């Protein structure tokens, strides 16, 4: 039983990572260096902490990008 739960958890984790990678592709950053991508994400994380205006602005940009392809 524990083995099945581990397997399900691993599948869920793998699926989540694939989806997150898809966001990188969708953003047009597929060919950027990993260090740059991580730097962008760390910087964005810092900028949105406690800054609802920035969080809202970036959420609107993302929602618009999803809207263009029906997602």
PDB file of N, CA and C in Angstrom:
ATOM      1  N   UNK A   1       0.820  -1.193   0.000  1.00  0.00           N
ATOM      2  CA  UNK A   1       0.000   0.000   0.000  1.00  0.00           C
ATOM      3  C   UNK A   1       0.869   1.264   0.000  1.00  0.00           C
ATOM      4  N   UNK A   2       1.898   1.297   0.841  1.00  0.00           N
ATOM      5  CA  UNK A   2       2.788   2.453   0.909  1.00  0.00           C
ATOM      6  C   UNK A   2       3.512   2.655  -0.422  1.00  0.00           C
ATOM      7  N   UNK A   3       3.827   1.545  -1.077  1.00  0.00           N
ATOM      8  CA  UNK A   3       4.522   1.627  -2.365  1.00  0.00           C
ATOM      9  C   UNK A   3       3.625   2.301  -3.415  1.00  0.00           C
ATOM     10  N   UNK A   4       2.343   1.989  -3.392  1.00  0.00           N
ATOM     11  CA  UNK A   4       1.390   2.596  -4.329  1.00  0.00           C
ATOM     12  C   UNK A   4       1.278   4.095  -4.057  1.00  0.00           C
ATOM     13  N   UNK A   5       1.224   4.471  -2.786  1.00  0.00           N
ATOM     14  CA  UNK A   5       1.115   5.883  -2.435  1.00  0.00           C
ATOM     15  C   UNK A   5       2.357   6.646  -2.871  1.00  0.00           C
ATOM     16  N   UNK A   6       3.548   6.036  -2.704  1.00  0.00           N
ATOM     17  CA  UNK A   6       4.778   6.669  -3.162  1.00  0.00           C
ATOM     18  C   UNK A   6       4.754   6.856  -4.669  1.00  0.00           C
ATOM     19  N   UNK A   7       4.283   5.831  -5.366  1.00  0.00           N
ATOM     20  CA  UNK A   7       4.206   5.894  -6.821  1.00  0.00           C
ATOM     21  C   UNK A   7       3.257   7.000  -7.268  1.00  0.00           C
ATOM     22  N   UNK A   8       2.104   7.099  -6.626  1.00  0.00           N
ATOM     23  CA  UNK A   8       1.137   8.149  -6.963  1.00  0.00           C
ATOM     24  C   UNK A   8       1.714   9.531  -6.688  1.00  0.00           C
ATOM     25  N   UNK A   9       2.423   9.669  -5.578  1.00  0.00           N
ATOM     26  CA  UNK A   9       3.033  10.952  -5.226  1.00  0.00           C
ATOM     27  C   UNK A   9       4.105  11.330  -6.241  1.00  0.00           C
ATOM     28  N   UNK A  10       4.881  10.343  -6.668  1.00  0.00           N
ATOM     29  CA  UNK A  10       5.918  10.615  -7.673  1.00  0.00           C
ATOM     30  C   UNK A  10       5.302  11.012  -9.002  1.00  0.00           C
ATOM     31  N   UNK A  11       4.216  10.358  -9.397  1.00  0.00           N
ATOM     32  CA  UNK A  11       3.536  10.706 -10.647  1.00  0.00           C
ATOM     33  C   UNK A  11       2.987  12.122 -10.584  1.00  0.00           C
ATOM     34  N   UNK A  12       2.408  12.469  -9.447  1.00  0.00           N
ATOM     35  CA  UNK A  12       1.862  13.812  -9.271  1.00  0.00           C
ATOM     36  C   UNK A  12       2.974  14.850  -9.336  1.00  0.00           C
ATOM     37  N   UNK A  13       4.092  14.574  -8.680  1.00  0.00           N
ATOM     38  CA  UNK A  13       5.239  15.477  -8.690  1.00  0.00           C
ATOM     39  C   UNK A  13       5.788  15.644 -10.099  1.00  0.00           C
ATOM     40  N   UNK A  14       5.908  14.539 -10.827  1.00  0.00           N
ATOM     41  CA  UNK A  14       6.416  14.585 -12.201  1.00  0.00           C
ATOM     42  C   UNK A  14       5.496  15.404 -13.087  1.00  0.00           C
ATOM     43  N   UNK A  15       4.201  15.188 -12.950  1.00  0.00           N
ATOM     44  CA  UNK A  15       3.234  15.937 -13.756  1.00  0.00           C
ATOM     45  C   UNK A  15       3.323  17.434 -13.477  1.00  0.00           C
ATOM     46  N   UNK A  16       3.466  17.791 -12.213  1.00  0.00           N
ATOM     47  CA  UNK A  16       3.580  19.200 -11.843  1.00  0.00           C
ATOM     48  C   UNK A  16       4.834  19.826 -12.462  1.00  0.00           C
ATOM     49  N   UNK A  17       5.930  19.105 -12.446  1.00  0.00           N
ATOM     50  CA  UNK A  17       7.172  19.616 -13.024  1.00  0.00           C
ATOM     51  C   UNK A  17       7.049  19.785 -14.541  1.00  0.00           C
ATOM     52  N   UNK A  18       6.386  18.866 -15.189  1.00  0.00           N
ATOM     53  CA  UNK A  18       6.162  18.980 -16.633  1.00  0.00           C
ATOM     54  C   UNK A  18       5.324  20.220 -16.933  1.00  0.00           C
ATOM     55  N   UNK A  19       4.279  20.433 -16.156  1.00  0.00           N
ATOM     56  CA  UNK A  19       3.428  21.609 -16.357  1.00  0.00           C
ATOM     57  C   UNK A  19       4.211  22.904 -16.132  1.00  0.00           C
ATOM     58  N   UNK A  20       5.043  22.935 -15.103  1.00  0.00           N
ATOM     59  CA  UNK A  20       5.844  24.128 -14.838  1.00  0.00           C
ATOM     60  C   UNK A  20       6.840  24.374 -15.961  1.00  0.00           C
ATOM     61  N   UNK A  21       7.430  23.317 -16.496  1.00  0.00           N
ATOM     62  CA  UNK A  21       8.316  23.462 -17.644  1.00  0.00           C
ATOM     63  C   UNK A  21       7.578  24.017 -18.852  1.00  0.00           C
ATOM     64  N   UNK A  22       6.334  23.617 -19.004  1.00  0.00           N
ATOM     65  CA  UNK A  22       5.513  24.133 -20.095  1.00  0.00           C
ATOM     66  C   UNK A  22       5.308  25.638 -19.995  1.00  0.00           C
ATOM     67  N   UNK A  23       5.271  26.156 -18.783  1.00  0.00           N
ATOM     68  CA  UNK A  23       5.138  27.601 -18.603  1.00  0.00           C
ATOM     69  C   UNK A  23       6.378  28.334 -19.125  1.00  0.00           C
ATOM     70  N   UNK A  24       7.539  27.738 -18.929  1.00  0.00           N
ATOM     71  CA  UNK A  24       8.771  28.331 -19.444  1.00  0.00           C
ATOM     72  C   UNK A  24       8.704  28.404 -20.968  1.00  0.00           C
ATOM     73  N   UNK A  25       8.251  27.340 -21.587  1.00  0.00           N
ATOM     74  CA  UNK A  25       8.118  27.303 -23.049  1.00  0.00           C
ATOM     75  C   UNK A  25       7.093  28.341 -23.499  1.00  0.00           C
ATOM     76  N   UNK A  26       5.963  28.383 -22.824  1.00  0.00           N
ATOM     77  CA  UNK A  26       4.884  29.309 -23.184  1.00  0.00           C
ATOM     78  C   UNK A  26       5.343  30.766 -23.088  1.00  0.00           C
ATOM     79  N   UNK A  27       6.232  31.037 -22.135  1.00  0.00           N
ATOM     80  CA  UNK A  27       6.747  32.393 -21.954  1.00  0.00           C
ATOM     81  C   UNK A  27       7.807  32.755 -22.994  1.00  0.00           C
ATOM     82  N   UNK A  28       8.163  31.806 -23.859  1.00  0.00           N
ATOM     83  CA  UNK A  28       9.153  32.067 -24.896  1.00  0.00           C
ATOM     84  C   UNK A  28      10.585  32.016 -24.383  1.00  0.00           C
ATOM     85  N   UNK A  29      10.793  31.292 -23.280  1.00  0.00           N
ATOM     86  CA  UNK A  29      12.114  31.251 -22.658  1.00  0.00           C
ATOM     87  C   UNK A  29      12.786  29.889 -22.757  1.00  0.00           C
ATOM     88  N   UNK A  30      12.333  29.076 -23.668  1.00  0.00           N
ATOM     89  CA  UNK A  30      12.823  27.700 -23.791  1.00  0.00           C
ATOM     90  C   UNK A  30      14.340  27.618 -23.934  1.00  0.00           C
ATOM     91  N   UNK A  31      14.939  28.538 -24.648  1.00  0.00           N
ATOM     92  CA  UNK A  31      16.361  28.422 -24.962  1.00  0.00           C
ATOM     93  C   UNK A  31      17.261  29.273 -24.066  1.00  0.00           C
ATOM     94  N   UNK A  32      16.693  29.836 -23.026  1.00  0.00           N
ATOM     95  CA  UNK A  32      17.493  30.621 -22.093  1.00  0.00           C
ATOM     96  C   UNK A  32      18.252  29.692 -21.145  1.00  0.00           C
ATOM     97  N   UNK A  33      19.349  30.187 -20.604  1.00  0.00           N
ATOM     98  CA  UNK A  33      20.138  29.395 -19.666  1.00  0.00           C
ATOM     99  C   UNK A  33      19.360  29.193 -18.378  1.00  0.00           C
ATOM    100  N   UNK A  34      19.550  28.055 -17.757  1.00  0.00           N
ATOM    101  CA  UNK A  34      18.840  27.722 -16.522  1.00  0.00           C
ATOM    102  C   UNK A  34      19.124  28.725 -15.420  1.00  0.00           C
ATOM    103  N   UNK A  35      20.366  29.219 -15.341  1.00  0.00           N
ATOM    104  CA  UNK A  35      20.712  30.197 -14.308  1.00  0.00           C
ATOM    105  C   UNK A  35      19.907  31.483 -14.493  1.00  0.00           C
ATOM    106  N   UNK A  36      19.705  31.893 -15.733  1.00  0.00           N
ATOM    107  CA  UNK A  36      18.902  33.082 -16.001  1.00  0.00           C
ATOM    108  C   UNK A  36      17.455  32.852 -15.580  1.00  0.00           C
ATOM    109  N   UNK A  37      16.906  31.702 -15.950  1.00  0.00           N
ATOM    110  CA  UNK A  37      15.522  31.396 -15.589  1.00  0.00           C
ATOM    111  C   UNK A  37      15.328  31.389 -14.078  1.00  0.00           C
ATOM    112  N   UNK A  38      16.251  30.773 -13.386  1.00  0.00           N
ATOM    113  CA  UNK A  38      16.148  30.739 -11.928  1.00  0.00           C
ATOM    114  C   UNK A  38      16.271  32.144 -11.352  1.00  0.00           C
ATOM    115  N   UNK A  39      17.174  32.933 -11.893  1.00  0.00           N
ATOM    116  CA  UNK A  39      17.325  34.317 -11.445  1.00  0.00           C
ATOM    117  C   UNK A  39      16.054  35.122 -11.653  1.00  0.00           C
ATOM    118  N   UNK A  40      15.429  34.937 -12.803  1.00  0.00           N
ATOM    119  CA  UNK A  40      14.159  35.625 -13.075  1.00  0.00           C
ATOM    120  C   UNK A  40      13.091  35.246 -12.054  1.00  0.00           C
ATOM    121  N   UNK A  41      12.996  33.973 -11.769  1.00  0.00           N
ATOM    122  CA  UNK A  41      11.980  33.502 -10.829  1.00  0.00           C
ATOM    123  C   UNK A  41      12.260  33.978  -9.409  1.00  0.00           C
ATOM    124  N   UNK A  42      13.518  33.953  -9.006  1.00  0.00           N
ATOM    125  CA  UNK A  42      13.866  34.432  -7.670  1.00  0.00           C
ATOM    126  C   UNK A  42      13.555  35.924  -7.551  1.00  0.00           C
ATOM    127  N   UNK A  43      13.932  36.693  -8.565  1.00  0.00           N
ATOM    128  CA  UNK A  43      13.667  38.128  -8.554  1.00  0.00           C
ATOM    129  C   UNK A  43      12.163  38.411  -8.512  1.00  0.00           C
ATOM    130  N   UNK A  44      11.415  37.706  -9.329  1.00  0.00           N
ATOM    131  CA  UNK A  44       9.962  37.908  -9.342  1.00  0.00           C
ATOM    132  C   UNK A  44       9.350  37.544  -7.990  1.00  0.00           C
ATOM    133  N   UNK A  45       9.825  36.461  -7.406  1.00  0.00           N
ATOM    134  CA  UNK A  45       9.327  36.057  -6.091  1.00  0.00           C
ATOM    135  C   UNK A  45       9.556  37.135  -5.054  1.00  0.00           C
ATOM    136  N   UNK A  46      10.715  37.755  -5.098  1.00  0.00           N
ATOM    137  CA  UNK A  46      11.026  38.841  -4.158  1.00  0.00           C
ATOM    138  C   UNK A  46      10.139  40.054  -4.416  1.00  0.00           C
ATOM    139  N   UNK A  47       9.921  40.373  -5.701  1.00  0.00           N
ATOM    140  CA  UNK A  47       9.133  41.563  -6.034  1.00  0.00           C
ATOM    141  C   UNK A  47       7.667  41.433  -5.655  1.00  0.00           C
ATOM    142  N   UNK A  48       7.122  40.214  -5.679  1.00  0.00           N
ATOM    143  CA  UNK A  48       5.687  40.081  -5.383  1.00  0.00           C
ATOM    144  C   UNK A  48       5.400  39.925  -3.894  1.00  0.00           C
ATOM    145  N   UNK A  49       6.409  39.621  -3.096  1.00  0.00           N
ATOM    146  CA  UNK A  49       6.182  39.479  -1.649  1.00  0.00           C
ATOM    147  C   UNK A  49       5.768  40.818  -1.067  1.00  0.00           C
ATOM    148  N   UNK A  50       4.560  40.869  -0.566  1.00  0.00           N
ATOM    149  CA  UNK A  50       4.072  42.087   0.069  1.00  0.00           C
ATOM    150  C   UNK A  50       3.726  43.194  -0.900  1.00  0.00           C
ATOM    151  N   UNK A  51       3.700  42.902  -2.187  1.00  0.00           N
ATOM    152  CA  UNK A  51       3.396  43.932  -3.177  1.00  0.00           C
ATOM    153  C   UNK A  51       2.210  43.459  -4.019  1.00  0.00           C
ATOM    154  N   UNK A  52       1.036  43.737  -3.533  1.00  0.00           N
ATOM    155  CA  UNK A  52      -0.178  43.267  -4.218  1.00  0.00           C
ATOM    156  C   UNK A  52      -0.339  43.879  -5.604  1.00  0.00           C
ATOM    157  N   UNK A  53       0.125  45.108  -5.792  1.00  0.00           N
ATOM    158  CA  UNK A  53       0.015  45.748  -7.110  1.00  0.00           C
ATOM    159  C   UNK A  53       0.847  44.985  -8.140  1.00  0.00           C
ATOM    160  N   UNK A  54       2.071  44.626  -7.762  1.00  0.00           N
ATOM    161  CA  UNK A  54       2.939  43.875  -8.685  1.00  0.00           C
ATOM    162  C   UNK A  54       2.385  42.482  -8.925  1.00  0.00           C
ATOM    163  N   UNK A  55       1.882  41.853  -7.879  1.00  0.00           N
ATOM    164  CA  UNK A  55       1.270  40.528  -8.014  1.00  0.00           C
ATOM    165  C   UNK A  55       0.082  40.590  -8.987  1.00  0.00           C
ATOM    166  N   UNK A  56      -0.744  41.592  -8.838  1.00  0.00           N
ATOM    167  CA  UNK A  56      -1.910  41.750  -9.716  1.00  0.00           C
ATOM    168  C   UNK A  56      -1.495  42.026 -11.156  1.00  0.00           C
ATOM    169  N   UNK A  57      -0.471  42.866 -11.322  1.00  0.00           N
ATOM    170  CA  UNK A  57       0.014  43.201 -12.662  1.00  0.00           C
ATOM    171  C   UNK A  57       0.528  41.953 -13.380  1.00  0.00           C
ATOM    172  N   UNK A  58       1.326  41.168 -12.690  1.00  0.00           N
ATOM    173  CA  UNK A  58       1.878  39.961 -13.307  1.00  0.00           C
ATOM    174  C   UNK A  58       0.803  38.900 -13.537  1.00  0.00           C
ATOM    175  N   UNK A  59      -0.154  38.813 -12.632  1.00  0.00           N
ATOM    176  CA  UNK A  59      -1.264  37.873 -12.814  1.00  0.00           C
ATOM    177  C   UNK A  59      -2.067  38.236 -14.056  1.00  0.00           C
ATOM    178  N   UNK A  60      -2.287  39.515 -14.282  1.00  0.00           N
ATOM    179  CA  UNK A  60      -3.036  39.962 -15.468  1.00  0.00           C
ATOM    180  C   UNK A  60      -2.283  39.612 -16.748  1.00  0.00           C
ATOM    181  N   UNK A  61      -0.973  39.784 -16.737  1.00  0.00           N
ATOM    182  CA  UNK A  61      -0.165  39.431 -17.913  1.00  0.00           C
ATOM    183  C   UNK A  61      -0.280  37.933 -18.190  1.00  0.00           C
ATOM    184  N   UNK A  62      -0.167  37.125 -17.145  1.00  0.00           N
ATOM    185  CA  UNK A  62      -0.277  35.678 -17.319  1.00  0.00           C
ATOM    186  C   UNK A  62      -1.654  35.245 -17.783  1.00  0.00           C
ATOM    187  N   UNK A  63      -2.692  35.829 -17.205  1.00  0.00           N
ATOM    188  CA  UNK A  63      -4.055  35.485 -17.589  1.00  0.00           C
ATOM    189  C   UNK A  63      -4.313  35.834 -19.047  1.00  0.00           C
ATOM    190  N   UNK A  64      -3.781  36.961 -19.482  1.00  0.00           N
ATOM    191  CA  UNK A  64      -3.927  37.347 -20.889  1.00  0.00           C
ATOM    192  C   UNK A  64      -3.227  36.348 -21.802  1.00  0.00           C
ATOM    193  N   UNK A  65      -2.019  35.929 -21.407  1.00  0.00           N
ATOM    194  CA  UNK A  65      -1.278  34.955 -22.212  1.00  0.00           C
ATOM    195  C   UNK A  65      -2.039  33.625 -22.307  1.00  0.00           C
ATOM    196  N   UNK A  66      -2.632  33.174 -21.208  1.00  0.00           N
ATOM    197  CA  UNK A  66      -3.441  31.954 -21.257  1.00  0.00           C
ATOM    198  C   UNK A  66      -4.663  32.155 -22.139  1.00  0.00           C
ATOM    199  N   UNK A  67      -5.257  33.326 -22.082  1.00  0.00           N
ATOM    200  CA  UNK A  67      -6.458  33.607 -22.851  1.00  0.00           C
ATOM    201  C   UNK A  67      -6.260  33.556 -24.353  1.00  0.00           C
ATOM    202  N   UNK A  68      -5.047  33.825 -24.789  1.00  0.00           N
ATOM    203  CA  UNK A  68      -4.771  33.847 -26.229  1.00  0.00           C
ATOM    204  C   UNK A  68      -4.811  32.462 -26.864  1.00  0.00           C
ATOM    205  N   UNK A  69      -4.666  31.420 -26.061  1.00  0.00           N
ATOM    206  CA  UNK A  69      -4.704  30.078 -26.645  1.00  0.00           C
ATOM    207  C   UNK A  69      -5.813  29.224 -26.042  1.00  0.00           C
ATOM    208  N   UNK A  70      -6.733  29.856 -25.331  1.00  0.00           N
ATOM    209  CA  UNK A  70      -7.898  29.127 -24.828  1.00  0.00           C
ATOM    210  C   UNK A  70      -7.689  28.367 -23.550  1.00  0.00           C
ATOM    211  N   UNK A  71      -6.517  28.493 -22.908  1.00  0.00           N
ATOM    212  CA  UNK A  71      -6.282  27.755 -21.653  1.00  0.00           C
ATOM    213  C   UNK A  71      -6.871  28.491 -20.497  1.00  0.00           C
TER     214      UNK A  71
END
